[in-house]
Amino acid sequence: MNLSFKSTAVLIITTLFYISCADNATVQENKNSRVEHFEYQGYGDTVVAMLFGEILTAKKDSPAVFIPLPDVLVTVDSLVKTVKTDNKGQFELGLFSGTYKLIINKPGYQPLQISQYVADGDRVSIVKIILSLGDSLQNYSIPRQEGKE
């Protein structure tokens, strides 16, 4: 088969386009609200555990791009303590030692229930959450830490 340079270039670009589309489909595969990242970090200088979080959502015209989600309610279930994300989608929460369930909620988005958050006094934790449009409750259980009793 004898292809001209122009035909070869079109074939390569078309192939790359289809490969790119396949990659995008993989990125968009998980459309549920979820914890994207959770990490127990070192210890700070407080008597309470500090949880710092960021809540994002997919951009409507670019679902593979995530943007901050302001005014999301983060509630500690057993304490009926609630904080709200700021304009950057960030929140911080101070808790005394214990194991807690967090409820992440914003009208129009799938609520997310996070269980087994272990707060140790003086510990800092980081969480990154993605909320998706919808109304079905999603659940996430934080894995137990190794070396913890």
C-alpha atoms as a PDB file:
ATOM      1  CA  MET A   1       0.000   0.000   0.000  1.00  0.00           C
ATOM      2  CA  ASN A   2       1.463   3.345  -1.062  1.00  0.00           C
ATOM      3  CA  LEU A   3       0.299   6.215   1.152  1.00  0.00           C
ATOM      4  CA  SER A   4       1.210   9.829   0.635  1.00  0.00           C
ATOM      5  CA  PHE A   5       2.632  11.907   3.493  1.00  0.00           C
ATOM      6  CA  LYS A   6      -0.734  13.702   3.893  1.00  0.00           C
ATOM      7  CA  SER A   7      -2.674  10.413   4.072  1.00  0.00           C
ATOM      8  CA  THR A   8      -0.206   8.999   6.600  1.00  0.00           C
ATOM      9  CA  ALA A   9      -0.512  12.137   8.761  1.00  0.00           C
ATOM     10  CA  VAL A  10      -4.332  11.920   8.712  1.00  0.00           C
ATOM     11  CA  LEU A  11      -4.186   8.237   9.665  1.00  0.00           C
ATOM     12  CA  ILE A  12      -1.820   8.950  12.594  1.00  0.00           C
ATOM     13  CA  ILE A  13      -3.927  11.873  13.852  1.00  0.00           C
ATOM     14  CA  THR A  14      -7.120   9.800  13.611  1.00  0.00           C
ATOM     15  CA  THR A  15      -5.499   6.939  15.512  1.00  0.00           C
ATOM     16  CA  LEU A  16      -4.248   9.302  18.222  1.00  0.00           C
ATOM     17  CA  PHE A  17      -7.734  10.819  18.490  1.00  0.00           C
ATOM     18  CA  TYR A  18      -9.313   7.388  19.107  1.00  0.00           C
ATOM     19  CA  ILE A  19      -6.637   6.481  21.654  1.00  0.00           C
ATOM     20  CA  SER A  20      -7.200   9.826  23.387  1.00  0.00           C
ATOM     21  CA  CYS A  21     -10.964   9.222  23.494  1.00  0.00           C
ATOM     22  CA  ALA A  22     -10.392   5.796  25.035  1.00  0.00           C
ATOM     23  CA  ASP A  23      -8.170   7.352  27.713  1.00  0.00           C
ATOM     24  CA  ASN A  24     -10.830   9.973  28.503  1.00  0.00           C
ATOM     25  CA  ALA A  25     -13.452   7.255  28.884  1.00  0.00           C
ATOM     26  CA  THR A  26     -11.260   5.630  31.530  1.00  0.00           C
ATOM     27  CA  VAL A  27     -10.882   8.916  33.422  1.00  0.00           C
ATOM     28  CA  GLN A  28     -14.665   9.444  33.480  1.00  0.00           C
ATOM     29  CA  GLU A  29     -15.438   5.862  34.494  1.00  0.00           C
ATOM     30  CA  ASN A  30     -16.095   6.593  38.189  1.00  0.00           C
ATOM     31  CA  LYS A  31     -19.016   9.001  38.318  1.00  0.00           C
ATOM     32  CA  ASN A  32     -19.842   8.486  41.995  1.00  0.00           C
ATOM     33  CA  SER A  33     -18.959  10.717  44.910  1.00  0.00           C
ATOM     34  CA  ARG A  34     -15.817   9.336  46.496  1.00  0.00           C
ATOM     35  CA  VAL A  35     -12.751   9.872  48.625  1.00  0.00           C
ATOM     36  CA  GLU A  36      -9.938  10.431  46.154  1.00  0.00           C
ATOM     37  CA  HIS A  37      -7.189  10.530  48.785  1.00  0.00           C
ATOM     38  CA  PHE A  38      -6.981  10.082  52.558  1.00  0.00           C
ATOM     39  CA  GLU A  39      -3.819  10.269  54.584  1.00  0.00           C
ATOM     40  CA  TYR A  40      -3.032  10.223  58.279  1.00  0.00           C
ATOM     41  CA  GLN A  41       0.001  12.438  58.674  1.00  0.00           C
ATOM     42  CA  GLY A  42       2.320  13.325  61.521  1.00  0.00           C
ATOM     43  CA  TYR A  43       1.456  15.123  64.648  1.00  0.00           C
ATOM     44  CA  GLY A  44       1.004  18.853  65.141  1.00  0.00           C
ATOM     45  CA  ASP A  45       0.941  21.059  68.196  1.00  0.00           C
ATOM     46  CA  THR A  46      -2.650  20.727  69.372  1.00  0.00           C
ATOM     47  CA  VAL A  47      -4.621  18.637  71.833  1.00  0.00           C
ATOM     48  CA  VAL A  48      -7.205  17.846  69.157  1.00  0.00           C
ATOM     49  CA  ALA A  49      -6.939  15.977  65.874  1.00  0.00           C
ATOM     50  CA  MET A  50      -7.017  18.269  62.845  1.00  0.00           C
ATOM     51  CA  LEU A  51      -8.636  17.172  59.596  1.00  0.00           C
ATOM     52  CA  PHE A  52      -7.913  19.350  56.562  1.00  0.00           C
ATOM     53  CA  GLY A  53      -9.969  18.659  53.458  1.00  0.00           C
ATOM     54  CA  GLU A  54     -10.602  19.725  49.907  1.00  0.00           C
ATOM     55  CA  ILE A  55     -13.847  18.991  48.070  1.00  0.00           C
ATOM     56  CA  LEU A  56     -13.957  19.135  44.287  1.00  0.00           C
ATOM     57  CA  THR A  57     -16.391  18.361  41.473  1.00  0.00           C
ATOM     58  CA  ALA A  58     -15.984  17.672  37.771  1.00  0.00           C
ATOM     59  CA  LYS A  59     -16.181  20.719  35.531  1.00  0.00           C
ATOM     60  CA  LYS A  60     -19.366  20.509  33.416  1.00  0.00           C
ATOM     61  CA  ASP A  61     -17.684  21.026  30.037  1.00  0.00           C
ATOM     62  CA  SER A  62     -14.508  19.079  30.956  1.00  0.00           C
ATOM     63  CA  PRO A  63     -15.366  16.081  33.182  1.00  0.00           C
ATOM     64  CA  ALA A  64     -11.680  15.153  33.570  1.00  0.00           C
ATOM     65  CA  VAL A  65     -10.992  18.572  35.155  1.00  0.00           C
ATOM     66  CA  PHE A  66     -11.924  19.112  38.802  1.00  0.00           C
ATOM     67  CA  ILE A  67     -12.851  22.453  40.353  1.00  0.00           C
ATOM     68  CA  PRO A  68     -13.357  23.527  44.002  1.00  0.00           C
ATOM     69  CA  LEU A  69     -16.866  23.083  45.397  1.00  0.00           C
ATOM     70  CA  PRO A  70     -17.848  25.825  47.887  1.00  0.00           C
ATOM     71  CA  ASP A  71     -20.614  25.650  50.524  1.00  0.00           C
ATOM     72  CA  VAL A  72     -20.464  21.885  51.052  1.00  0.00           C
ATOM     73  CA  LEU A  73     -21.554  20.790  54.524  1.00  0.00           C
ATOM     74  CA  VAL A  74     -19.197  18.474  56.412  1.00  0.00           C
ATOM     75  CA  THR A  75     -20.977  17.036  59.447  1.00  0.00           C
ATOM     76  CA  VAL A  76     -19.594  14.899  62.282  1.00  0.00           C
ATOM     77  CA  ASP A  77     -22.558  12.578  62.791  1.00  0.00           C
ATOM     78  CA  SER A  78     -22.257  11.750  66.496  1.00  0.00           C
ATOM     79  CA  LEU A  79     -21.490  15.341  67.529  1.00  0.00           C
ATOM     80  CA  VAL A  80     -23.906  17.126  65.189  1.00  0.00           C
ATOM     81  CA  LYS A  81     -20.966  19.428  64.450  1.00  0.00           C
ATOM     82  CA  THR A  82     -20.937  20.984  60.964  1.00  0.00           C
ATOM     83  CA  VAL A  83     -18.474  23.097  58.993  1.00  0.00           C
ATOM     84  CA  LYS A  84     -18.830  24.477  55.470  1.00  0.00           C
ATOM     85  CA  THR A  85     -16.250  24.543  52.668  1.00  0.00           C
ATOM     86  CA  ASP A  86     -14.923  27.946  51.631  1.00  0.00           C
ATOM     87  CA  ASN A  87     -14.715  29.352  48.078  1.00  0.00           C
ATOM     88  CA  LYS A  88     -11.668  27.122  47.435  1.00  0.00           C
ATOM     89  CA  GLY A  89     -13.611  24.001  48.468  1.00  0.00           C
ATOM     90  CA  GLN A  90     -11.483  23.663  51.609  1.00  0.00           C
ATOM     91  CA  PHE A  91     -12.441  22.940  55.197  1.00  0.00           C
ATOM     92  CA  GLU A  92     -10.795  22.204  58.515  1.00  0.00           C
ATOM     93  CA  LEU A  93     -12.180  20.366  61.474  1.00  0.00           C
ATOM     94  CA  GLY A  94     -10.821  19.880  64.998  1.00  0.00           C
ATOM     95  CA  LEU A  95     -11.947  16.783  66.934  1.00  0.00           C
ATOM     96  CA  PHE A  96     -11.087  15.191  70.245  1.00  0.00           C
ATOM     97  CA  SER A  97      -9.839  11.593  70.259  1.00  0.00           C
ATOM     98  CA  GLY A  98     -12.392   9.086  69.009  1.00  0.00           C
ATOM     99  CA  THR A  99     -13.748   7.305  65.957  1.00  0.00           C
ATOM    100  CA  TYR A 100     -16.188   9.304  63.855  1.00  0.00           C
ATOM    101  CA  LYS A 101     -18.525   9.134  60.880  1.00  0.00           C
ATOM    102  CA  LEU A 102     -18.476  12.175  58.579  1.00  0.00           C
ATOM    103  CA  ILE A 103     -21.297  13.115  56.236  1.00  0.00           C
ATOM    104  CA  ILE A 104     -20.465  15.260  53.202  1.00  0.00           C
ATOM    105  CA  ASN A 105     -23.505  16.913  51.647  1.00  0.00           C
ATOM    106  CA  LYS A 106     -24.504  19.591  49.147  1.00  0.00           C
ATOM    107  CA  PRO A 107     -27.920  19.784  47.449  1.00  0.00           C
ATOM    108  CA  GLY A 108     -27.777  18.382  43.912  1.00  0.00           C
ATOM    109  CA  TYR A 109     -24.733  16.198  44.645  1.00  0.00           C
ATOM    110  CA  GLN A 110     -24.431  12.600  45.817  1.00  0.00           C
ATOM    111  CA  PRO A 111     -23.955  12.677  49.595  1.00  0.00           C
ATOM    112  CA  LEU A 112     -20.909  10.813  50.883  1.00  0.00           C
ATOM    113  CA  GLN A 113     -20.685   9.037  54.223  1.00  0.00           C
ATOM    114  CA  ILE A 114     -17.145   8.444  55.504  1.00  0.00           C
ATOM    115  CA  SER A 115     -16.875   5.989  58.386  1.00  0.00           C
ATOM    116  CA  GLN A 116     -14.026   4.919  60.652  1.00  0.00           C
ATOM    117  CA  TYR A 117     -12.217   8.275  60.814  1.00  0.00           C
ATOM    118  CA  VAL A 118      -9.915   7.817  63.813  1.00  0.00           C
ATOM    119  CA  ALA A 119      -9.026  11.089  65.500  1.00  0.00           C
ATOM    120  CA  ASP A 120      -5.976  10.913  67.775  1.00  0.00           C
ATOM    121  CA  GLY A 121      -5.204  14.032  69.747  1.00  0.00           C
ATOM    122  CA  ASP A 122      -2.427  16.074  68.120  1.00  0.00           C
ATOM    123  CA  ARG A 123      -2.661  14.235  64.737  1.00  0.00           C
ATOM    124  CA  VAL A 124      -3.108  15.937  61.368  1.00  0.00           C
ATOM    125  CA  SER A 125      -5.010  14.230  58.518  1.00  0.00           C
ATOM    126  CA  ILE A 126      -5.612  15.235  54.908  1.00  0.00           C
ATOM    127  CA  VAL A 127      -8.589  14.244  52.717  1.00  0.00           C
ATOM    128  CA  LYS A 128      -9.469  14.988  49.081  1.00  0.00           C
ATOM    129  CA  ILE A 129     -13.081  14.335  48.102  1.00  0.00           C
ATOM    130  CA  ILE A 130     -14.807  14.352  44.723  1.00  0.00           C
ATOM    131  CA  LEU A 131     -18.581  14.968  44.746  1.00  0.00           C
ATOM    132  CA  SER A 132     -20.654  14.002  41.716  1.00  0.00           C
ATOM    133  CA  LEU A 133     -24.084  15.177  40.630  1.00  0.00           C
ATOM    134  CA  GLY A 134     -26.951  12.987  41.804  1.00  0.00           C
ATOM    135  CA  ASP A 135     -28.722  11.966  44.968  1.00  0.00           C
ATOM    136  CA  SER A 136     -27.729   8.377  45.852  1.00  0.00           C
ATOM    137  CA  LEU A 137     -25.758   8.018  49.080  1.00  0.00           C
ATOM    138  CA  GLN A 138     -22.168   6.793  48.628  1.00  0.00           C
ATOM    139  CA  ASN A 139     -20.136   5.161  51.422  1.00  0.00           C
ATOM    140  CA  TYR A 140     -16.424   5.068  52.141  1.00  0.00           C
ATOM    141  CA  SER A 141     -14.738   3.367  55.079  1.00  0.00           C
ATOM    142  CA  ILE A 142     -11.246   4.580  55.951  1.00  0.00           C
ATOM    143  CA  PRO A 143      -8.890   1.590  56.082  1.00  0.00           C
ATOM    144  CA  ARG A 144      -7.438   0.765  59.491  1.00  0.00           C
ATOM    145  CA  GLN A 145      -3.921   1.980  60.076  1.00  0.00           C
ATOM    146  CA  GLU A 146      -1.196  -0.585  60.370  1.00  0.00           C
ATOM    147  CA  GLY A 147       0.353  -0.667  63.814  1.00  0.00           C
ATOM    148  CA  LYS A 148      -2.778   0.758  65.462  1.00  0.00           C
ATOM    149  CA  GLU A 149      -4.652  -1.257  68.044  1.00  0.00           C
END
